[in-house]
Amino acid sequence: MTPWHGLIFLIFWGAIVVAGYHLGKYKGHIAVGVILTAVLGLLGLLIIALIPQTDAAKMAAAQRNMAIQQEAARRAGYPYPPQAPTGQWTPPPTGQWTPPPSDQWQGPHDQPGS
């Protein structure tokens, strides 16, 4: 094996370990992610992908998503809408919309020349 092959192997192995670190961080098992990918390679990466997330990791992801939504609402110019405590949907208030007069509408069957 030439030194170039060894270098390519080390870069590939290092990329797998980095991927294992990030997947382990997402799942809440950083040490397991690094150790399994360092020892087993791609098989370790597959094993980590099948491990469920910890409750702490789920909570952190939910908090990040909420912060993103609140920031988007703040930048849009309106506050985050409060949610009903019961979770029941309430219809929006009725508006002042009136349908257009029927003499101005020409549908496909009312086209001139048809």
C-alpha atoms as a PDB file:
ATOM      1  CA  MET A   1       0.000   0.000   0.000  1.00  0.00           C
ATOM      2  CA  THR A   2       1.427   3.352  -1.004  1.00  0.00           C
ATOM      3  CA  PRO A   3       1.514   6.383   1.275  1.00  0.00           C
ATOM      4  CA  TRP A   4      -1.212   8.000  -0.852  1.00  0.00           C
ATOM      5  CA  HIS A   5      -3.560   5.097  -0.219  1.00  0.00           C
ATOM      6  CA  GLY A   6      -2.865   5.367   3.495  1.00  0.00           C
ATOM      7  CA  LEU A   7      -3.555   9.103   3.442  1.00  0.00           C
ATOM      8  CA  ILE A   8      -6.839   8.607   1.585  1.00  0.00           C
ATOM      9  CA  PHE A   9      -7.823   5.904   4.088  1.00  0.00           C
ATOM     10  CA  LEU A  10      -7.048   8.171   7.067  1.00  0.00           C
ATOM     11  CA  ILE A  11      -9.029  11.076   5.570  1.00  0.00           C
ATOM     12  CA  PHE A  12     -11.997   8.780   4.876  1.00  0.00           C
ATOM     13  CA  TRP A  13     -11.807   7.274   8.371  1.00  0.00           C
ATOM     14  CA  GLY A  14     -11.550  10.756   9.911  1.00  0.00           C
ATOM     15  CA  ALA A  15     -14.608  11.916   7.952  1.00  0.00           C
ATOM     16  CA  ILE A  16     -16.573   8.934   9.271  1.00  0.00           C
ATOM     17  CA  VAL A  17     -15.530   9.737  12.859  1.00  0.00           C
ATOM     18  CA  VAL A  18     -16.563  13.388  12.395  1.00  0.00           C
ATOM     19  CA  ALA A  19     -19.912  12.242  10.997  1.00  0.00           C
ATOM     20  CA  GLY A  20     -20.286   9.930  13.998  1.00  0.00           C
ATOM     21  CA  TYR A  21     -19.570  12.832  16.345  1.00  0.00           C
ATOM     22  CA  HIS A  22     -22.242  15.011  14.735  1.00  0.00           C
ATOM     23  CA  LEU A  23     -24.799  12.212  14.583  1.00  0.00           C
ATOM     24  CA  GLY A  24     -24.026  11.317  18.193  1.00  0.00           C
ATOM     25  CA  LYS A  25     -24.435  14.958  19.192  1.00  0.00           C
ATOM     26  CA  TYR A  26     -27.816  15.053  17.433  1.00  0.00           C
ATOM     27  CA  LYS A  27     -28.910  11.865  19.196  1.00  0.00           C
ATOM     28  CA  GLY A  28     -27.517  12.917  22.594  1.00  0.00           C
ATOM     29  CA  HIS A  29     -24.767  10.253  22.688  1.00  0.00           C
ATOM     30  CA  ILE A  30     -21.552  12.029  21.648  1.00  0.00           C
ATOM     31  CA  ALA A  31     -19.082   9.560  23.177  1.00  0.00           C
ATOM     32  CA  VAL A  32     -20.919   6.560  21.768  1.00  0.00           C
ATOM     33  CA  GLY A  33     -20.920   8.191  18.336  1.00  0.00           C
ATOM     34  CA  VAL A  34     -17.201   8.809  18.316  1.00  0.00           C
ATOM     35  CA  ILE A  35     -16.200   5.437  19.792  1.00  0.00           C
ATOM     36  CA  LEU A  36     -18.451   3.307  17.584  1.00  0.00           C
ATOM     37  CA  THR A  37     -17.408   5.048  14.385  1.00  0.00           C
ATOM     38  CA  ALA A  38     -13.732   4.959  15.342  1.00  0.00           C
ATOM     39  CA  VAL A  39     -13.882   1.221  16.013  1.00  0.00           C
ATOM     40  CA  LEU A  40     -16.486  -0.004  13.509  1.00  0.00           C
ATOM     41  CA  GLY A  41     -16.423   2.663  10.791  1.00  0.00           C
ATOM     42  CA  LEU A  42     -19.514   2.757   8.590  1.00  0.00           C
ATOM     43  CA  LEU A  43     -21.181  -0.032  10.584  1.00  0.00           C
ATOM     44  CA  GLY A  44     -20.816   2.098  13.724  1.00  0.00           C
ATOM     45  CA  LEU A  45     -22.372   5.028  11.891  1.00  0.00           C
ATOM     46  CA  LEU A  46     -25.329   2.830  10.989  1.00  0.00           C
ATOM     47  CA  ILE A  47     -25.697   1.665  14.593  1.00  0.00           C
ATOM     48  CA  ILE A  48     -25.708   5.258  15.846  1.00  0.00           C
ATOM     49  CA  ALA A  49     -28.353   6.172  13.301  1.00  0.00           C
ATOM     50  CA  LEU A  50     -30.615   3.485  14.792  1.00  0.00           C
ATOM     51  CA  ILE A  51     -30.157   4.649  18.407  1.00  0.00           C
ATOM     52  CA  PRO A  52     -33.128   6.753  19.605  1.00  0.00           C
ATOM     53  CA  GLN A  53     -32.661  10.357  20.719  1.00  0.00           C
ATOM     54  CA  THR A  54     -32.417  11.127  24.409  1.00  0.00           C
ATOM     55  CA  ASP A  55     -35.092  13.276  26.017  1.00  0.00           C
ATOM     56  CA  ALA A  56     -32.545  16.046  26.568  1.00  0.00           C
ATOM     57  CA  ALA A  57     -31.680  16.073  22.848  1.00  0.00           C
ATOM     58  CA  LYS A  58     -35.369  16.194  21.913  1.00  0.00           C
ATOM     59  CA  MET A  59     -35.917  19.115  24.298  1.00  0.00           C
ATOM     60  CA  ALA A  60     -32.916  21.008  22.926  1.00  0.00           C
ATOM     61  CA  ALA A  61     -34.155  20.530  19.348  1.00  0.00           C
ATOM     62  CA  ALA A  62     -37.631  21.762  20.316  1.00  0.00           C
ATOM     63  CA  GLN A  63     -36.140  24.842  22.011  1.00  0.00           C
ATOM     64  CA  ARG A  64     -34.044  25.627  18.922  1.00  0.00           C
ATOM     65  CA  ASN A  65     -37.101  25.310  16.691  1.00  0.00           C
ATOM     66  CA  MET A  66     -39.135  27.567  18.970  1.00  0.00           C
ATOM     67  CA  ALA A  67     -36.377  30.191  18.987  1.00  0.00           C
ATOM     68  CA  ILE A  68     -36.222  30.091  15.183  1.00  0.00           C
ATOM     69  CA  GLN A  69     -39.999  30.536  14.923  1.00  0.00           C
ATOM     70  CA  GLN A  70     -40.022  33.407  17.409  1.00  0.00           C
ATOM     71  CA  GLU A  71     -37.192  35.164  15.593  1.00  0.00           C
ATOM     72  CA  ALA A  72     -38.979  34.786  12.252  1.00  0.00           C
ATOM     73  CA  ALA A  73     -42.174  36.196  13.744  1.00  0.00           C
ATOM     74  CA  ARG A  74     -40.256  39.095  15.285  1.00  0.00           C
ATOM     75  CA  ARG A  75     -38.630  39.932  11.967  1.00  0.00           C
ATOM     76  CA  ALA A  76     -41.998  39.757  10.214  1.00  0.00           C
ATOM     77  CA  GLY A  77     -43.270  42.521  12.459  1.00  0.00           C
ATOM     78  CA  TYR A  78     -45.869  40.782  14.589  1.00  0.00           C
ATOM     79  CA  PRO A  79     -45.586  38.967  17.900  1.00  0.00           C
ATOM     80  CA  TYR A  80     -45.821  35.250  18.162  1.00  0.00           C
ATOM     81  CA  PRO A  81     -49.549  34.461  18.303  1.00  0.00           C
ATOM     82  CA  PRO A  82     -50.713  33.022  21.613  1.00  0.00           C
ATOM     83  CA  GLN A  83     -52.157  29.543  21.466  1.00  0.00           C
ATOM     84  CA  ALA A  84     -55.473  28.579  23.012  1.00  0.00           C
ATOM     85  CA  PRO A  85     -54.883  26.546  26.199  1.00  0.00           C
ATOM     86  CA  THR A  86     -57.474  23.939  25.234  1.00  0.00           C
ATOM     87  CA  GLY A  87     -56.074  23.465  21.754  1.00  0.00           C
ATOM     88  CA  GLN A  88     -59.467  23.956  20.139  1.00  0.00           C
ATOM     89  CA  TRP A  89     -59.666  25.800  16.858  1.00  0.00           C
ATOM     90  CA  THR A  90     -61.666  29.007  16.777  1.00  0.00           C
ATOM     91  CA  PRO A  91     -62.793  30.454  13.455  1.00  0.00           C
ATOM     92  CA  PRO A  92     -61.444  33.851  12.421  1.00  0.00           C
ATOM     93  CA  PRO A  93     -63.770  36.847  12.668  1.00  0.00           C
ATOM     94  CA  THR A  94     -66.019  37.445   9.702  1.00  0.00           C
ATOM     95  CA  GLY A  95     -64.815  40.054   7.237  1.00  0.00           C
ATOM     96  CA  GLN A  96     -66.493  42.633   5.048  1.00  0.00           C
ATOM     97  CA  TRP A  97     -65.988  40.770   1.771  1.00  0.00           C
ATOM     98  CA  THR A  98     -68.807  40.900  -0.735  1.00  0.00           C
ATOM     99  CA  PRO A  99     -68.857  38.913  -3.944  1.00  0.00           C
ATOM    100  CA  PRO A 100     -68.463  40.855  -7.203  1.00  0.00           C
ATOM    101  CA  PRO A 101     -71.606  41.569  -9.246  1.00  0.00           C
ATOM    102  CA  SER A 102     -72.511  38.720 -11.573  1.00  0.00           C
ATOM    103  CA  ASP A 103     -72.853  40.974 -14.652  1.00  0.00           C
ATOM    104  CA  GLN A 104     -69.093  41.697 -14.647  1.00  0.00           C
ATOM    105  CA  TRP A 105     -68.046  38.032 -14.539  1.00  0.00           C
ATOM    106  CA  GLN A 106     -67.488  36.219 -17.779  1.00  0.00           C
ATOM    107  CA  GLY A 107     -66.721  32.599 -17.221  1.00  0.00           C
ATOM    108  CA  PRO A 108     -65.486  30.225 -19.917  1.00  0.00           C
ATOM    109  CA  HIS A 109     -69.054  29.472 -21.026  1.00  0.00           C
ATOM    110  CA  ASP A 110     -69.911  33.205 -21.343  1.00  0.00           C
ATOM    111  CA  GLN A 111     -67.065  34.128 -23.697  1.00  0.00           C
ATOM    112  CA  PRO A 112     -68.152  36.114 -26.737  1.00  0.00           C
ATOM    113  CA  GLY A 113     -67.950  34.196 -30.018  1.00  0.00           C
ATOM    114  CA  SER A 114     -68.371  30.744 -28.480  1.00  0.00           C
END
